[in-house]
Amino acid sequence: MQLPTMPVSRNVLVVSGVLLLHVAALWALQSGLLMRAVDMVVPVNVMSDFIELPKPKEEPPPPPPPKPPSKTTPTSVQQPVVQVQAPVPLAIADPTPSPQAPVGVTTPTPVLAPIATPVAASPPPAPPAPAKVELPSSDAEYLHNPKPEYPRISKQRNEQGKVIVNVFIGTDGSPQKAEIKTSSGFERLDQAALATVKSWRYVPGKRGGVPEAMWFAVPINFVME
């Protein structure tokens, strides 16, 4: 059974032939047979219409180098302008008064008296120190004062105690008054002490070195030995 044959177009044949020629040319170019085949069969000008050799790629030109920064020229500093003023003529005082000058009376300025500064009052003087007081004494050796006499009955009854007698001594050292300040608890001992201090002599008391009459406490102690 035969298949029905389709009519082949002329354009298809031409295109197929061109493709075959391109394939053959590429193969011949690689195998080195193209140049010989061209010399033998096809003129050079005909083959140039069919085959165009690949052109080498053109590299883009390198970018231009950057321009160096321009040096800015320093601006000139303007110098300040100093203005010199012309000297002003000075007026010279003329002691001679003008004949047309008015004549007036000058009133003198009153002079104020200086204001007196108050002076702080000085503090009052300190009071004098009190005079030194020296109390009377009955212990001086030159007085030769005897010891108090112990009452016999008090010894027999074993009476003991301390008596303090206040004596008012004059400026000459003599006792003028005497009284019991502290009792011993026994009347005989108190009276014996009172009689003793009245018979003694004393060194008078002094105030500021001057003899002065004053009271003086004399202790009398009665103790059994």
N, C-alpha and C. Protein backbone atom coordinates (compact mmCIF):
# COMPACT_ATOMS: atom_id res chain seq x y z
N MET A 1 0.85 -1.18 0.00
CA MET A 1 0.00 0.00 0.00
C MET A 1 0.87 1.21 0.00
N GLN A 2 0.72 2.05 -0.90
CA GLN A 2 1.51 3.26 -1.08
C GLN A 2 0.82 4.43 -0.41
N LEU A 3 1.68 5.18 0.31
CA LEU A 3 1.16 6.37 0.96
C LEU A 3 1.03 7.46 -0.06
N PRO A 4 0.08 8.31 0.13
CA PRO A 4 -0.08 9.42 -0.83
C PRO A 4 1.05 10.41 -0.66
N THR A 5 1.65 10.77 -1.77
CA THR A 5 2.78 11.72 -1.79
C THR A 5 2.25 13.11 -1.87
N MET A 6 2.90 13.93 -0.98
CA MET A 6 2.47 15.33 -0.96
C MET A 6 3.45 16.12 -1.77
N PRO A 7 2.99 17.07 -2.50
CA PRO A 7 3.90 17.90 -3.31
C PRO A 7 4.77 18.75 -2.40
N VAL A 8 6.05 18.72 -2.72
CA VAL A 8 7.05 19.49 -1.94
C VAL A 8 7.17 20.86 -2.53
N SER A 9 7.10 21.82 -1.64
CA SER A 9 7.16 23.21 -2.10
C SER A 9 8.58 23.56 -2.45
N ARG A 10 8.71 24.49 -3.31
CA ARG A 10 10.05 24.94 -3.74
C ARG A 10 10.73 25.70 -2.65
N ASN A 11 9.97 26.46 -1.92
CA ASN A 11 10.57 27.24 -0.81
C ASN A 11 11.15 26.34 0.25
N VAL A 12 10.44 25.23 0.46
CA VAL A 12 10.95 24.30 1.48
C VAL A 12 12.24 23.71 1.02
N LEU A 13 12.33 23.39 -0.23
CA LEU A 13 13.57 22.83 -0.73
C LEU A 13 14.70 23.83 -0.62
N VAL A 14 14.41 25.08 -0.94
CA VAL A 14 15.49 26.10 -0.88
C VAL A 14 15.98 26.26 0.55
N VAL A 15 15.03 26.33 1.45
CA VAL A 15 15.42 26.51 2.87
C VAL A 15 16.20 25.32 3.34
N SER A 16 15.75 24.08 2.96
CA SER A 16 16.47 22.89 3.38
C SER A 16 17.86 22.87 2.82
N GLY A 17 17.99 23.30 1.55
CA GLY A 17 19.32 23.33 0.96
C GLY A 17 20.23 24.32 1.65
N VAL A 18 19.68 25.45 2.01
CA VAL A 18 20.50 26.48 2.70
C VAL A 18 20.96 25.96 4.03
N LEU A 19 20.08 25.28 4.77
CA LEU A 19 20.46 24.75 6.08
C LEU A 19 21.53 23.71 5.93
N LEU A 20 21.36 22.83 4.90
CA LEU A 20 22.38 21.82 4.71
C LEU A 20 23.71 22.45 4.38
N LEU A 21 23.69 23.51 3.58
CA LEU A 21 24.95 24.17 3.25
C LEU A 21 25.59 24.77 4.49
N HIS A 22 24.80 25.38 5.35
CA HIS A 22 25.36 25.95 6.59
C HIS A 22 25.96 24.88 7.48
N VAL A 23 25.25 23.76 7.58
CA VAL A 23 25.79 22.66 8.42
C VAL A 23 27.06 22.14 7.82
N ALA A 24 27.08 21.97 6.49
CA ALA A 24 28.28 21.46 5.84
C ALA A 24 29.41 22.44 5.96
N ALA A 25 29.10 23.72 5.88
CA ALA A 25 30.15 24.73 6.00
C ALA A 25 30.75 24.74 7.39
N LEU A 26 29.92 24.62 8.36
CA LEU A 26 30.44 24.60 9.74
C LEU A 26 31.31 23.39 9.95
N TRP A 27 30.85 22.23 9.41
CA TRP A 27 31.67 21.02 9.59
C TRP A 27 32.96 21.13 8.83
N ALA A 28 32.92 21.69 7.63
CA ALA A 28 34.14 21.86 6.84
C ALA A 28 35.07 22.86 7.49
N LEU A 29 34.49 23.89 8.10
CA LEU A 29 35.33 24.89 8.77
C LEU A 29 36.09 24.26 9.93
N GLN A 30 35.41 23.37 10.64
CA GLN A 30 36.08 22.73 11.75
C GLN A 30 37.10 21.70 11.27
N SER A 31 36.82 21.03 10.19
CA SER A 31 37.75 19.98 9.72
C SER A 31 38.79 20.51 8.76
N GLY A 32 38.77 21.81 8.38
CA GLY A 32 39.79 22.37 7.49
C GLY A 32 39.54 22.12 6.03
N LEU A 33 38.36 21.60 5.61
CA LEU A 33 38.08 21.30 4.23
C LEU A 33 37.33 22.39 3.53
N LEU A 34 36.90 23.43 4.29
CA LEU A 34 36.07 24.43 3.70
C LEU A 34 36.85 25.25 2.68
N MET A 35 38.07 25.64 3.05
CA MET A 35 38.83 26.50 2.15
C MET A 35 39.12 25.80 0.83
N ARG A 36 39.41 24.50 0.94
CA ARG A 36 39.68 23.76 -0.33
C ARG A 36 38.43 23.63 -1.17
N ALA A 37 37.29 23.39 -0.48
CA ALA A 37 36.05 23.23 -1.24
C ALA A 37 35.65 24.53 -1.88
N VAL A 38 35.93 25.66 -1.20
CA VAL A 38 35.57 26.95 -1.76
C VAL A 38 36.39 27.22 -3.00
N ASP A 39 37.66 26.88 -2.96
CA ASP A 39 38.52 27.13 -4.11
C ASP A 39 38.09 26.30 -5.30
N MET A 40 37.56 25.13 -5.03
CA MET A 40 37.24 24.21 -6.12
C MET A 40 35.84 24.50 -6.68
N VAL A 41 34.87 24.76 -5.83
CA VAL A 41 33.50 24.77 -6.32
C VAL A 41 32.92 26.16 -6.29
N VAL A 42 32.93 26.83 -5.10
CA VAL A 42 32.16 28.05 -4.93
C VAL A 42 33.09 29.22 -4.90
N PRO A 43 32.83 30.26 -5.60
CA PRO A 43 33.65 31.47 -5.52
C PRO A 43 33.56 32.08 -4.14
N VAL A 44 34.56 32.87 -3.89
CA VAL A 44 34.66 33.50 -2.55
C VAL A 44 33.54 34.47 -2.33
N ASN A 45 33.17 35.19 -3.39
CA ASN A 45 32.13 36.19 -3.19
C ASN A 45 30.78 35.58 -2.93
N VAL A 46 30.54 34.30 -3.46
CA VAL A 46 29.26 33.65 -3.21
C VAL A 46 29.17 33.18 -1.78
N MET A 47 30.31 32.59 -1.26
CA MET A 47 30.29 32.05 0.10
C MET A 47 30.19 33.15 1.14
N SER A 48 30.65 34.29 0.76
CA SER A 48 30.58 35.38 1.74
C SER A 48 29.16 35.82 2.01
N ASP A 49 28.26 35.46 1.01
CA ASP A 49 26.87 35.82 1.25
C ASP A 49 26.20 34.88 2.23
N PHE A 50 26.73 33.62 2.26
CA PHE A 50 26.09 32.63 3.12
C PHE A 50 26.69 32.54 4.52
N ILE A 51 27.99 32.72 4.61
CA ILE A 51 28.65 32.51 5.91
C ILE A 51 29.29 33.82 6.35
N GLU A 52 28.98 34.21 7.47
CA GLU A 52 29.60 35.38 8.09
C GLU A 52 30.33 34.92 9.36
N LEU A 53 31.61 35.17 9.38
CA LEU A 53 32.41 34.77 10.55
C LEU A 53 31.99 35.58 11.78
N PRO A 54 31.98 34.91 12.88
CA PRO A 54 31.60 35.67 14.13
C PRO A 54 32.60 36.76 14.43
N LYS A 55 32.06 37.91 14.72
CA LYS A 55 32.92 39.06 15.05
C LYS A 55 33.35 39.00 16.54
N PRO A 56 34.56 39.38 16.76
CA PRO A 56 35.01 39.40 18.19
C PRO A 56 34.23 40.45 18.97
N LYS A 57 33.98 40.02 20.22
CA LYS A 57 33.23 40.93 21.10
C LYS A 57 34.08 42.15 21.44
N GLU A 58 33.45 43.27 21.25
CA GLU A 58 34.14 44.52 21.58
C GLU A 58 33.95 44.84 23.08
N GLU A 59 35.07 44.94 23.73
CA GLU A 59 35.01 45.28 25.17
C GLU A 59 34.69 46.75 25.35
N PRO A 60 33.87 47.04 26.30
CA PRO A 60 33.52 48.46 26.51
C PRO A 60 34.77 49.24 26.94
N PRO A 61 34.87 50.43 26.50
CA PRO A 61 36.05 51.24 26.87
C PRO A 61 36.08 51.46 28.39
N PRO A 62 37.28 51.49 28.91
CA PRO A 62 37.39 51.71 30.37
C PRO A 62 36.86 53.08 30.75
N PRO A 63 36.29 53.17 31.93
CA PRO A 63 35.75 54.49 32.35
C PRO A 63 36.88 55.49 32.49
N PRO A 64 36.60 56.68 32.18
CA PRO A 64 37.65 57.73 32.30
C PRO A 64 38.10 57.89 33.76
N PRO A 65 39.37 58.16 33.96
CA PRO A 65 39.87 58.33 35.35
C PRO A 65 39.20 59.53 36.01
N PRO A 66 38.97 59.40 37.31
CA PRO A 66 38.31 60.55 37.99
C PRO A 66 39.18 61.78 37.98
N LYS A 67 38.54 62.85 37.83
CA LYS A 67 39.26 64.12 37.80
C LYS A 67 39.78 64.47 39.20
N PRO A 68 41.00 64.89 39.26
CA PRO A 68 41.51 65.28 40.59
C PRO A 68 40.72 66.46 41.13
N PRO A 69 40.54 66.46 42.45
CA PRO A 69 39.77 67.59 43.02
C PRO A 69 40.49 68.90 42.81
N SER A 70 39.71 69.79 42.38
CA SER A 70 40.29 71.11 42.08
C SER A 70 40.65 71.81 43.38
N LYS A 71 41.81 72.32 43.42
CA LYS A 71 42.28 73.05 44.60
C LYS A 71 41.63 74.42 44.64
N THR A 72 40.91 74.57 45.72
CA THR A 72 40.25 75.88 45.88
C THR A 72 41.25 76.89 46.36
N THR A 73 41.28 77.91 45.68
CA THR A 73 42.21 78.99 46.05
C THR A 73 41.63 79.75 47.22
N PRO A 74 42.41 79.93 48.28
CA PRO A 74 41.87 80.65 49.44
C PRO A 74 41.46 82.07 49.09
N THR A 75 40.33 82.34 49.59
CA THR A 75 39.83 83.69 49.34
C THR A 75 40.68 84.70 50.08
N SER A 76 40.90 85.71 49.46
CA SER A 76 41.73 86.76 50.07
C SER A 76 40.97 87.41 51.20
N VAL A 77 41.66 87.52 52.35
CA VAL A 77 41.07 88.14 53.52
C VAL A 77 41.14 89.64 53.37
N GLN A 78 40.00 90.21 53.51
CA GLN A 78 39.96 91.65 53.37
C GLN A 78 40.46 92.30 54.63
N GLN A 79 41.42 93.11 54.51
CA GLN A 79 41.96 93.83 55.65
C GLN A 79 41.00 94.96 56.04
N PRO A 80 40.79 95.09 57.38
CA PRO A 80 39.89 96.18 57.79
C PRO A 80 40.47 97.54 57.43
N VAL A 81 39.59 98.34 57.03
CA VAL A 81 39.99 99.68 56.63
C VAL A 81 39.91 100.58 57.84
N VAL A 82 41.01 101.18 58.19
CA VAL A 82 41.09 102.07 59.34
C VAL A 82 40.95 103.49 58.84
N GLN A 83 39.95 104.11 59.37
CA GLN A 83 39.73 105.50 58.99
C GLN A 83 40.41 106.40 60.00
N VAL A 84 41.23 107.23 59.54
CA VAL A 84 41.97 108.17 60.38
C VAL A 84 41.23 109.50 60.35
N GLN A 85 40.79 109.89 61.52
CA GLN A 85 40.08 111.15 61.59
C GLN A 85 41.06 112.31 61.74
N ALA A 86 40.69 113.33 61.17
CA ALA A 86 41.54 114.51 61.25
C ALA A 86 41.52 115.07 62.66
N PRO A 87 42.62 115.55 63.16
CA PRO A 87 42.64 116.09 64.53
C PRO A 87 41.71 117.28 64.66
N VAL A 88 40.98 117.24 65.79
CA VAL A 88 40.03 118.31 66.07
C VAL A 88 40.75 119.41 66.82
N PRO A 89 40.65 120.60 66.40
CA PRO A 89 41.35 121.69 67.11
C PRO A 89 40.76 121.88 68.50
N LEU A 90 41.63 122.04 69.50
CA LEU A 90 41.22 122.22 70.89
C LEU A 90 41.03 123.70 71.19
N ALA A 91 40.03 123.94 72.01
CA ALA A 91 39.78 125.32 72.41
C ALA A 91 40.66 125.69 73.58
N ILE A 92 41.28 126.84 73.51
CA ILE A 92 42.17 127.32 74.57
C ILE A 92 41.40 128.37 75.36
N ALA A 93 41.36 128.11 76.66
CA ALA A 93 40.61 129.03 77.53
C ALA A 93 41.35 130.37 77.63
N ASP A 94 40.60 131.41 77.46
CA ASP A 94 41.16 132.76 77.55
C ASP A 94 40.81 133.33 78.92
N PRO A 95 41.81 133.63 79.75
CA PRO A 95 41.46 134.16 81.08
C PRO A 95 40.80 135.53 81.05
N THR A 96 40.92 136.23 79.96
CA THR A 96 40.33 137.57 79.89
C THR A 96 38.85 137.46 79.61
N PRO A 97 37.98 137.91 80.47
CA PRO A 97 36.53 137.76 80.24
C PRO A 97 36.07 138.64 79.07
N SER A 98 35.06 138.18 78.46
CA SER A 98 34.50 138.93 77.36
C SER A 98 33.76 140.15 77.90
N PRO A 99 33.88 141.31 77.20
CA PRO A 99 33.17 142.50 77.70
C PRO A 99 31.66 142.34 77.68
N GLN A 100 31.13 141.41 76.86
CA GLN A 100 29.68 141.22 76.77
C GLN A 100 29.19 140.09 77.66
N ALA A 101 30.11 139.46 78.42
CA ALA A 101 29.69 138.34 79.27
C ALA A 101 28.87 138.85 80.44
N PRO A 102 27.78 138.16 80.80
CA PRO A 102 26.96 138.61 81.94
C PRO A 102 27.71 138.42 83.24
N VAL A 103 27.46 139.36 84.13
CA VAL A 103 28.12 139.33 85.45
C VAL A 103 27.09 138.84 86.45
N GLY A 104 27.43 137.76 87.17
CA GLY A 104 26.51 137.19 88.16
C GLY A 104 27.19 137.06 89.51
N VAL A 105 26.38 136.81 90.51
CA VAL A 105 26.87 136.63 91.87
C VAL A 105 26.86 135.13 92.18
N THR A 106 28.00 134.64 92.56
CA THR A 106 28.13 133.21 92.89
C THR A 106 27.88 133.00 94.36
N THR A 107 26.91 132.14 94.67
CA THR A 107 26.61 131.84 96.07
C THR A 107 27.48 130.68 96.54
N PRO A 108 28.24 130.85 97.58
CA PRO A 108 29.12 129.75 98.03
C PRO A 108 28.29 128.59 98.55
N THR A 109 28.79 127.41 98.29
CA THR A 109 28.11 126.21 98.76
C THR A 109 28.35 126.03 100.25
N PRO A 110 27.29 125.87 101.04
CA PRO A 110 27.50 125.71 102.49
C PRO A 110 28.25 124.43 102.80
N VAL A 111 29.17 124.52 103.72
CA VAL A 111 29.96 123.37 104.13
C VAL A 111 29.27 122.70 105.30
N LEU A 112 28.93 121.44 105.13
CA LEU A 112 28.25 120.70 106.18
C LEU A 112 29.24 120.26 107.24
N ALA A 113 28.84 120.37 108.47
CA ALA A 113 29.71 119.94 109.56
C ALA A 113 29.77 118.42 109.58
N PRO A 114 30.91 117.85 109.86
CA PRO A 114 31.01 116.37 109.91
C PRO A 114 30.14 115.81 111.02
N ILE A 115 29.54 114.68 110.69
CA ILE A 115 28.67 114.02 111.66
C ILE A 115 29.53 113.26 112.65
N ALA A 116 29.30 113.54 113.90
CA ALA A 116 30.10 112.89 114.94
C ALA A 116 29.68 111.44 115.08
N THR A 117 30.67 110.57 115.05
CA THR A 117 30.40 109.14 115.20
C THR A 117 30.23 108.82 116.67
N PRO A 118 29.12 108.19 117.04
CA PRO A 118 28.94 107.88 118.47
C PRO A 118 30.00 106.91 118.95
N VAL A 119 30.57 107.24 120.09
CA VAL A 119 31.62 106.40 120.67
C VAL A 119 30.96 105.44 121.65
N ALA A 120 31.28 104.19 121.48
CA ALA A 120 30.71 103.18 122.36
C ALA A 120 31.19 103.41 123.79
N ALA A 121 30.24 103.34 124.71
CA ALA A 121 30.59 103.55 126.11
C ALA A 121 31.47 102.42 126.61
N SER A 122 32.51 102.80 127.30
CA SER A 122 33.42 101.79 127.82
C SER A 122 32.73 101.04 128.96
N PRO A 123 32.98 99.75 129.05
CA PRO A 123 32.34 98.96 130.11
C PRO A 123 32.79 99.44 131.49
N PRO A 124 31.92 99.33 132.46
CA PRO A 124 32.31 99.76 133.81
C PRO A 124 33.47 98.93 134.33
N PRO A 125 34.30 99.53 135.14
CA PRO A 125 35.45 98.77 135.66
C PRO A 125 34.99 97.62 136.54
N ALA A 126 35.76 96.57 136.50
CA ALA A 126 35.42 95.40 137.29
C ALA A 126 35.55 95.73 138.77
N PRO A 127 34.65 95.20 139.57
CA PRO A 127 34.74 95.47 141.01
C PRO A 127 36.02 94.88 141.60
N PRO A 128 36.57 95.52 142.57
CA PRO A 128 37.81 95.00 143.16
C PRO A 128 37.58 93.65 143.81
N ALA A 129 38.63 92.87 143.82
CA ALA A 129 38.54 91.55 144.42
C ALA A 129 38.35 91.69 145.93
N PRO A 130 37.54 90.82 146.50
CA PRO A 130 37.34 90.91 147.95
C PRO A 130 38.65 90.70 148.70
N ALA A 131 38.73 91.42 149.83
CA ALA A 131 39.96 91.32 150.64
C ALA A 131 40.08 89.92 151.23
N LYS A 132 41.29 89.49 151.37
CA LYS A 132 41.56 88.18 151.94
C LYS A 132 41.26 88.19 153.44
N VAL A 133 40.52 87.14 153.88
CA VAL A 133 40.12 87.04 155.28
C VAL A 133 40.95 85.94 155.94
N GLU A 134 41.58 86.27 157.09
CA GLU A 134 42.33 85.30 157.87
C GLU A 134 41.60 85.09 159.19
N LEU A 135 41.20 83.84 159.47
CA LEU A 135 40.44 83.52 160.68
C LEU A 135 41.37 83.56 161.91
N PRO A 136 40.79 83.81 163.08
CA PRO A 136 41.59 83.77 164.32
C PRO A 136 42.14 82.36 164.56
N SER A 137 43.12 82.30 165.45
CA SER A 137 43.77 81.03 165.77
C SER A 137 44.08 80.96 167.26
N SER A 138 44.02 79.71 167.81
CA SER A 138 44.37 79.49 169.23
C SER A 138 45.50 78.50 169.39
N ASP A 139 46.16 78.16 168.28
CA ASP A 139 47.18 77.13 168.31
C ASP A 139 48.60 77.69 168.31
N ALA A 140 48.75 78.99 168.32
CA ALA A 140 50.10 79.54 168.31
C ALA A 140 50.84 79.16 169.60
N GLU A 141 52.11 78.80 169.46
CA GLU A 141 52.88 78.35 170.63
C GLU A 141 53.12 79.48 171.63
N TYR A 142 53.25 80.70 171.09
CA TYR A 142 53.56 81.79 172.00
C TYR A 142 52.37 82.18 172.87
N LEU A 143 51.21 81.62 172.62
CA LEU A 143 50.04 81.96 173.43
C LEU A 143 50.04 81.20 174.77
N HIS A 144 50.67 80.02 174.78
CA HIS A 144 50.77 79.19 175.98
C HIS A 144 49.40 78.90 176.58
N ASN A 145 48.47 78.51 175.75
CA ASN A 145 47.12 78.17 176.20
C ASN A 145 47.14 76.76 176.84
N PRO A 146 46.64 76.61 178.09
CA PRO A 146 46.62 75.30 178.75
C PRO A 146 45.54 74.39 178.16
N LYS A 147 45.70 73.07 178.38
CA LYS A 147 44.72 72.12 177.91
C LYS A 147 43.47 72.22 178.78
N PRO A 148 42.30 71.90 178.21
CA PRO A 148 41.06 71.96 179.00
C PRO A 148 41.12 70.91 180.14
N GLU A 149 40.56 71.25 181.28
CA GLU A 149 40.56 70.37 182.44
C GLU A 149 39.36 69.41 182.36
N TYR A 150 39.67 68.12 182.51
CA TYR A 150 38.63 67.09 182.41
C TYR A 150 37.97 66.99 183.78
N PRO A 151 36.66 67.22 183.91
CA PRO A 151 35.99 67.13 185.21
C PRO A 151 36.15 65.73 185.82
N ARG A 152 36.41 65.69 187.18
CA ARG A 152 36.67 64.42 187.85
C ARG A 152 35.42 63.54 187.84
N ILE A 153 34.30 64.10 188.12
CA ILE A 153 33.06 63.30 188.16
C ILE A 153 32.78 62.69 186.78
N SER A 154 33.11 63.49 185.70
CA SER A 154 32.88 62.97 184.34
C SER A 154 33.77 61.76 184.07
N LYS A 155 35.00 61.79 184.60
CA LYS A 155 35.88 60.64 184.42
C LYS A 155 35.32 59.42 185.17
N GLN A 156 34.83 59.67 186.42
CA GLN A 156 34.29 58.55 187.20
C GLN A 156 33.08 57.95 186.52
N ARG A 157 32.30 58.78 185.86
CA ARG A 157 31.08 58.28 185.19
C ARG A 157 31.34 57.96 183.70
N ASN A 158 32.57 58.11 183.31
CA ASN A 158 32.96 57.76 181.94
C ASN A 158 32.18 58.60 180.92
N GLU A 159 32.11 59.90 181.16
CA GLU A 159 31.45 60.81 180.24
C GLU A 159 32.47 61.32 179.21
N GLN A 160 32.13 61.21 177.95
CA GLN A 160 33.02 61.65 176.87
C GLN A 160 32.18 62.38 175.83
N GLY A 161 32.82 63.25 175.03
CA GLY A 161 32.13 63.95 173.97
C GLY A 161 32.93 65.13 173.43
N LYS A 162 32.38 65.71 172.38
CA LYS A 162 33.03 66.85 171.70
C LYS A 162 32.12 68.06 171.83
N VAL A 163 32.75 69.18 172.24
CA VAL A 163 32.01 70.43 172.42
C VAL A 163 32.58 71.46 171.45
N ILE A 164 31.71 72.19 170.74
CA ILE A 164 32.14 73.29 169.86
C ILE A 164 31.60 74.57 170.45
N VAL A 165 32.55 75.52 170.73
CA VAL A 165 32.20 76.78 171.37
C VAL A 165 32.48 77.91 170.39
N ASN A 166 31.51 78.81 170.16
CA ASN A 166 31.71 80.00 169.35
C ASN A 166 32.22 81.12 170.26
N VAL A 167 33.36 81.72 169.84
CA VAL A 167 33.99 82.78 170.63
C VAL A 167 34.11 84.01 169.75
N PHE A 168 33.68 85.16 170.28
CA PHE A 168 33.86 86.42 169.56
C PHE A 168 35.16 87.04 170.05
N ILE A 169 36.14 87.13 169.10
CA ILE A 169 37.50 87.56 169.44
C ILE A 169 37.68 88.99 168.96
N GLY A 170 38.20 89.84 169.85
CA GLY A 170 38.43 91.23 169.50
C GLY A 170 39.69 91.40 168.69
N THR A 171 39.96 92.66 168.31
CA THR A 171 41.14 92.96 167.51
C THR A 171 42.44 92.77 168.30
N ASP A 172 42.35 92.74 169.65
CA ASP A 172 43.55 92.53 170.44
C ASP A 172 43.78 91.07 170.77
N GLY A 173 42.89 90.15 170.29
CA GLY A 173 43.05 88.72 170.53
C GLY A 173 42.39 88.23 171.77
N SER A 174 41.64 89.04 172.49
CA SER A 174 40.98 88.61 173.72
C SER A 174 39.57 88.15 173.42
N PRO A 175 39.09 87.07 174.12
CA PRO A 175 37.71 86.62 173.90
C PRO A 175 36.74 87.56 174.58
N GLN A 176 35.76 88.03 173.86
CA GLN A 176 34.77 88.97 174.40
C GLN A 176 33.44 88.28 174.69
N LYS A 177 33.09 87.28 173.90
CA LYS A 177 31.86 86.52 174.12
C LYS A 177 32.15 85.05 173.82
N ALA A 178 31.37 84.17 174.42
CA ALA A 178 31.50 82.74 174.18
C ALA A 178 30.16 82.08 174.39
N GLU A 179 29.81 81.10 173.56
CA GLU A 179 28.54 80.38 173.68
C GLU A 179 28.71 78.97 173.08
N ILE A 180 27.87 78.05 173.57
CA ILE A 180 27.94 76.67 173.11
C ILE A 180 27.25 76.56 171.74
N LYS A 181 27.97 76.08 170.75
CA LYS A 181 27.39 75.86 169.43
C LYS A 181 26.92 74.42 169.28
N THR A 182 27.77 73.47 169.71
CA THR A 182 27.40 72.06 169.67
C THR A 182 27.72 71.43 171.01
N SER A 183 26.72 70.80 171.64
CA SER A 183 26.89 70.20 172.97
C SER A 183 27.42 68.78 172.85
N SER A 184 28.14 68.36 173.91
CA SER A 184 28.65 66.99 173.97
C SER A 184 27.62 66.02 174.53
N GLY A 185 26.54 66.58 175.10
CA GLY A 185 25.53 65.73 175.72
C GLY A 185 25.66 65.65 177.22
N PHE A 186 26.73 66.27 177.72
CA PHE A 186 26.94 66.28 179.15
C PHE A 186 27.19 67.71 179.60
N GLU A 187 26.44 68.16 180.59
CA GLU A 187 26.51 69.55 181.04
C GLU A 187 27.87 69.88 181.63
N ARG A 188 28.45 68.97 182.39
CA ARG A 188 29.75 69.24 182.99
C ARG A 188 30.81 69.43 181.93
N LEU A 189 30.78 68.64 180.86
CA LEU A 189 31.77 68.78 179.77
C LEU A 189 31.56 70.10 179.04
N ASP A 190 30.31 70.50 178.80
CA ASP A 190 30.03 71.75 178.10
C ASP A 190 30.54 72.95 178.90
N GLN A 191 30.28 72.96 180.20
CA GLN A 191 30.71 74.08 181.03
C GLN A 191 32.24 74.12 181.16
N ALA A 192 32.89 72.98 181.19
CA ALA A 192 34.34 72.95 181.27
C ALA A 192 34.94 73.51 179.99
N ALA A 193 34.36 73.19 178.82
CA ALA A 193 34.85 73.72 177.55
C ALA A 193 34.62 75.22 177.47
N LEU A 194 33.47 75.70 177.92
CA LEU A 194 33.16 77.12 177.85
C LEU A 194 34.13 77.93 178.72
N ALA A 195 34.45 77.43 179.94
CA ALA A 195 35.39 78.13 180.83
C ALA A 195 36.80 78.12 180.25
N THR A 196 37.17 77.06 179.51
CA THR A 196 38.52 76.96 178.95
C THR A 196 38.72 77.99 177.86
N VAL A 197 37.78 78.12 176.89
CA VAL A 197 37.98 79.03 175.76
C VAL A 197 37.94 80.49 176.21
N LYS A 198 37.27 80.76 177.34
CA LYS A 198 37.24 82.13 177.83
C LYS A 198 38.57 82.53 178.46
N SER A 199 39.37 81.56 178.91
CA SER A 199 40.65 81.85 179.54
C SER A 199 41.81 81.88 178.55
N TRP A 200 41.56 81.52 177.32
CA TRP A 200 42.65 81.46 176.33
C TRP A 200 42.88 82.84 175.72
N ARG A 201 44.05 82.93 175.05
CA ARG A 201 44.40 84.09 174.21
C ARG A 201 44.40 83.62 172.74
N TYR A 202 44.13 84.54 171.86
CA TYR A 202 43.99 84.19 170.44
C TYR A 202 44.77 85.16 169.55
N VAL A 203 45.05 84.67 168.35
CA VAL A 203 45.57 85.54 167.28
C VAL A 203 44.35 86.13 166.58
N PRO A 204 44.20 87.46 166.56
CA PRO A 204 42.97 88.05 165.99
C PRO A 204 42.85 87.77 164.50
N GLY A 205 41.63 87.75 164.04
CA GLY A 205 41.40 87.60 162.61
C GLY A 205 41.73 88.86 161.83
N LYS A 206 41.98 88.73 160.54
CA LYS A 206 42.37 89.86 159.71
C LYS A 206 41.59 89.83 158.40
N ARG A 207 41.34 91.02 157.88
CA ARG A 207 40.72 91.19 156.57
C ARG A 207 41.59 92.13 155.76
N GLY A 208 42.17 91.63 154.71
CA GLY A 208 43.10 92.42 153.91
C GLY A 208 44.34 92.83 154.71
N GLY A 209 44.75 92.00 155.67
CA GLY A 209 45.92 92.30 156.48
C GLY A 209 45.65 93.18 157.67
N VAL A 210 44.41 93.62 157.86
CA VAL A 210 44.05 94.51 158.96
C VAL A 210 43.30 93.70 160.01
N PRO A 211 43.69 93.76 161.32
CA PRO A 211 42.98 93.01 162.35
C PRO A 211 41.52 93.43 162.41
N GLU A 212 40.66 92.42 162.63
CA GLU A 212 39.21 92.66 162.65
C GLU A 212 38.58 91.71 163.67
N ALA A 213 37.65 92.20 164.46
CA ALA A 213 36.93 91.36 165.42
C ALA A 213 35.96 90.47 164.68
N MET A 214 35.93 89.18 165.03
CA MET A 214 35.05 88.23 164.33
C MET A 214 34.83 87.00 165.21
N TRP A 215 33.82 86.24 164.85
CA TRP A 215 33.49 85.01 165.56
C TRP A 215 34.42 83.90 165.08
N PHE A 216 34.70 82.94 166.03
CA PHE A 216 35.59 81.83 165.72
C PHE A 216 35.09 80.60 166.47
N ALA A 217 34.99 79.47 165.79
CA ALA A 217 34.51 78.21 166.39
C ALA A 217 35.72 77.44 166.92
N VAL A 218 35.67 77.12 168.26
CA VAL A 218 36.77 76.40 168.90
C VAL A 218 36.25 75.03 169.31
N PRO A 219 36.83 73.93 168.77
CA PRO A 219 36.39 72.59 169.18
C PRO A 219 37.19 72.11 170.40
N ILE A 220 36.47 71.49 171.36
CA ILE A 220 37.08 70.89 172.56
C ILE A 220 36.60 69.45 172.62
N ASN A 221 37.57 68.52 172.63
CA ASN A 221 37.22 67.10 172.59
C ASN A 221 37.65 66.46 173.92
N PHE A 222 36.67 65.87 174.62
CA PHE A 222 36.91 65.18 175.88
C PHE A 222 36.90 63.68 175.59
N VAL A 223 38.09 63.05 175.76
CA VAL A 223 38.23 61.62 175.49
C VAL A 223 38.97 60.99 176.66
N MET A 224 38.48 59.84 177.15
CA MET A 224 39.11 59.11 178.22
C MET A 224 40.33 58.36 177.68
N GLU A 225 41.47 58.52 178.33
CA GLU A 225 42.68 57.84 177.89
C GLU A 225 42.86 56.55 178.67
